[in-house]
Protein backbone atom coordinates (compact mmCIF):
# COMPACT_ATOMS: atom_id res chain seq x y z
CA UNK A 1 35.61 18.00 -184.91
CA UNK A 2 39.13 17.09 -183.94
CA UNK A 3 40.56 13.73 -183.15
CA UNK A 4 41.99 10.62 -184.73
CA UNK A 5 40.30 8.13 -186.99
CA UNK A 6 40.89 4.61 -185.65
CA UNK A 7 40.37 1.42 -187.67
CA UNK A 8 39.73 -1.71 -185.57
CA UNK A 9 38.08 -5.01 -186.51
CA UNK A 10 36.78 -3.64 -189.80
CA UNK A 11 35.17 -0.59 -188.19
CA UNK A 12 36.33 3.02 -188.53
CA UNK A 13 35.44 5.50 -185.80
CA UNK A 14 36.53 8.97 -184.72
CA UNK A 15 38.18 9.14 -181.31
CA UNK A 16 38.14 12.74 -180.14
CA UNK A 17 41.26 14.05 -178.39
CA UNK A 18 42.81 10.67 -177.55
CA UNK A 19 45.55 10.46 -174.91
CA UNK A 20 49.08 10.37 -176.33
CA UNK A 21 49.62 6.71 -175.42
CA UNK A 22 46.44 5.65 -177.20
CA UNK A 23 47.30 7.48 -180.41
CA UNK A 24 50.79 5.95 -180.37
CA UNK A 25 49.30 2.48 -179.94
CA UNK A 26 46.88 3.14 -182.79
CA UNK A 27 49.81 4.01 -185.05
CA UNK A 28 49.04 7.71 -185.11
CA UNK A 29 52.04 9.57 -183.73
CA UNK A 30 55.57 8.21 -183.95
CA UNK A 31 58.74 9.93 -182.88
CA UNK A 32 61.25 10.47 -185.63
CA UNK A 33 65.02 10.76 -185.52
CA UNK A 34 67.63 11.88 -188.02
CA UNK A 35 70.16 9.16 -188.83
CA UNK A 36 73.58 9.96 -190.30
CA UNK A 37 73.89 6.97 -192.63
CA UNK A 38 77.69 6.86 -193.15
CA UNK A 39 78.33 6.57 -189.40
CA UNK A 40 75.03 4.97 -188.35
CA UNK A 41 74.75 7.63 -185.62
CA UNK A 42 71.45 9.25 -184.61
CA UNK A 43 71.79 13.04 -184.48
CA UNK A 44 71.16 14.06 -180.85
CA UNK A 45 72.32 17.70 -180.82
CA UNK A 46 72.97 20.66 -183.06
CA UNK A 47 76.71 20.40 -182.34
CA UNK A 48 76.71 16.89 -183.79
CA UNK A 49 74.56 17.95 -186.76
CA UNK A 50 76.73 20.99 -187.48
CA UNK A 51 79.88 18.81 -187.62
CA UNK A 52 78.22 16.40 -190.04
CA UNK A 53 76.88 19.20 -192.24
CA UNK A 54 80.29 20.94 -192.26
CA UNK A 55 81.87 17.72 -193.52
CA UNK A 56 79.39 17.83 -196.42
CA UNK A 57 80.29 21.45 -197.30
CA UNK A 58 77.52 23.27 -195.41
CA UNK A 59 78.38 26.45 -193.49
CA UNK A 60 76.52 28.40 -190.81
CA UNK A 61 74.76 31.36 -192.36
CA UNK A 62 74.69 34.55 -190.33
CA UNK A 63 72.21 37.20 -191.45
CA UNK A 64 73.88 40.58 -192.10
CA UNK A 65 70.97 42.52 -190.57
CA UNK A 66 71.14 40.63 -187.29
CA UNK A 67 74.90 41.04 -187.08
CA UNK A 68 74.67 44.79 -187.75
CA UNK A 69 72.03 45.19 -185.04
CA UNK A 70 74.22 43.44 -182.50
CA UNK A 71 72.06 40.35 -182.60
CA UNK A 72 68.99 42.23 -181.33
CA UNK A 73 67.04 41.27 -184.44
CA UNK A 74 68.41 37.75 -184.68
CA UNK A 75 65.77 35.28 -185.84
CA UNK A 76 65.07 32.34 -183.56
CA UNK A 77 66.65 29.94 -186.05
CA UNK A 78 69.91 28.49 -187.27
CA UNK A 79 70.63 28.52 -190.97
CA UNK A 80 73.14 26.63 -193.08
CA UNK A 81 74.07 27.26 -196.71
CA UNK A 82 76.26 25.57 -199.27
CA UNK A 83 78.41 27.75 -201.52
CA UNK A 84 77.93 25.40 -204.46
CA UNK A 85 74.11 25.70 -204.45
CA UNK A 86 71.22 28.02 -203.65
CA UNK A 87 69.92 25.68 -200.92
CA UNK A 88 69.38 26.93 -197.38
CA UNK A 89 68.59 24.79 -194.34
CA UNK A 90 66.63 26.63 -191.64
CA UNK A 91 66.27 25.08 -188.19
CA UNK A 92 64.77 26.32 -184.92
CA UNK A 93 67.40 27.45 -182.40
CA UNK A 94 65.93 25.19 -179.72
CA UNK A 95 66.79 21.54 -180.51
CA UNK A 96 63.59 20.48 -178.69
CA UNK A 97 61.65 22.14 -181.55
CA UNK A 98 63.63 20.20 -184.20
CA UNK A 99 60.92 18.13 -185.88
CA UNK A 100 60.38 15.78 -188.77
CA UNK A 101 59.79 18.64 -191.25
CA UNK A 102 63.32 19.91 -190.52
CA UNK A 103 64.73 16.39 -190.71
CA UNK A 104 63.19 15.75 -194.11
CA UNK A 105 64.51 19.11 -195.34
CA UNK A 106 68.02 17.95 -194.44
CA UNK A 107 67.46 14.54 -196.07
CA UNK A 108 66.22 16.06 -199.34
CA UNK A 109 69.29 18.28 -199.57
CA UNK A 110 71.72 15.50 -198.53
CA UNK A 111 70.17 12.32 -199.89
CA UNK A 112 73.15 10.01 -199.41
CA UNK A 113 74.13 11.23 -195.95
CA UNK A 114 70.93 11.26 -193.86
CA UNK A 115 67.72 9.30 -193.33
CA UNK A 116 64.67 9.82 -191.10
CA UNK A 117 63.82 6.81 -188.97
CA UNK A 118 61.11 5.88 -186.47
CA UNK A 119 62.28 5.66 -182.88
C-alpha cells in the first residue's frame, strides 16, 4: 500500500497515489530552499553556493583517484571540506538533484550561515 494519509473533518483516510497538486494542498510535499541568512539570499546555483561556502572556509575537494584517472572515475558529486574540521559536504553534480537532505547537511555544518525554508 502506497499513498498519503489525509486528515479531514476528523477523519483519517489513505489516498493512494494522489496527484502532486492534491498532496501539496494536503500539506504533504513542500518545496524547500536554502537561505543564506547573512545576505537573505536564496541559493539558486552551485556557483552561488560555492562562493558562500568559500567565504566560510570551505574548499572544493577533488578526489585523488579521479584526478589520476583523468576524471574517468569521477563520482557524480561535488564535495567540499574545511581544513579546520573533519566535515565533508557531498552534493550531487546536477543542481536539479539538490534536495532538502543536502540542504540540511549544509545547515548542520554551518548553523549561523544557512537555513532551510519552505518556498
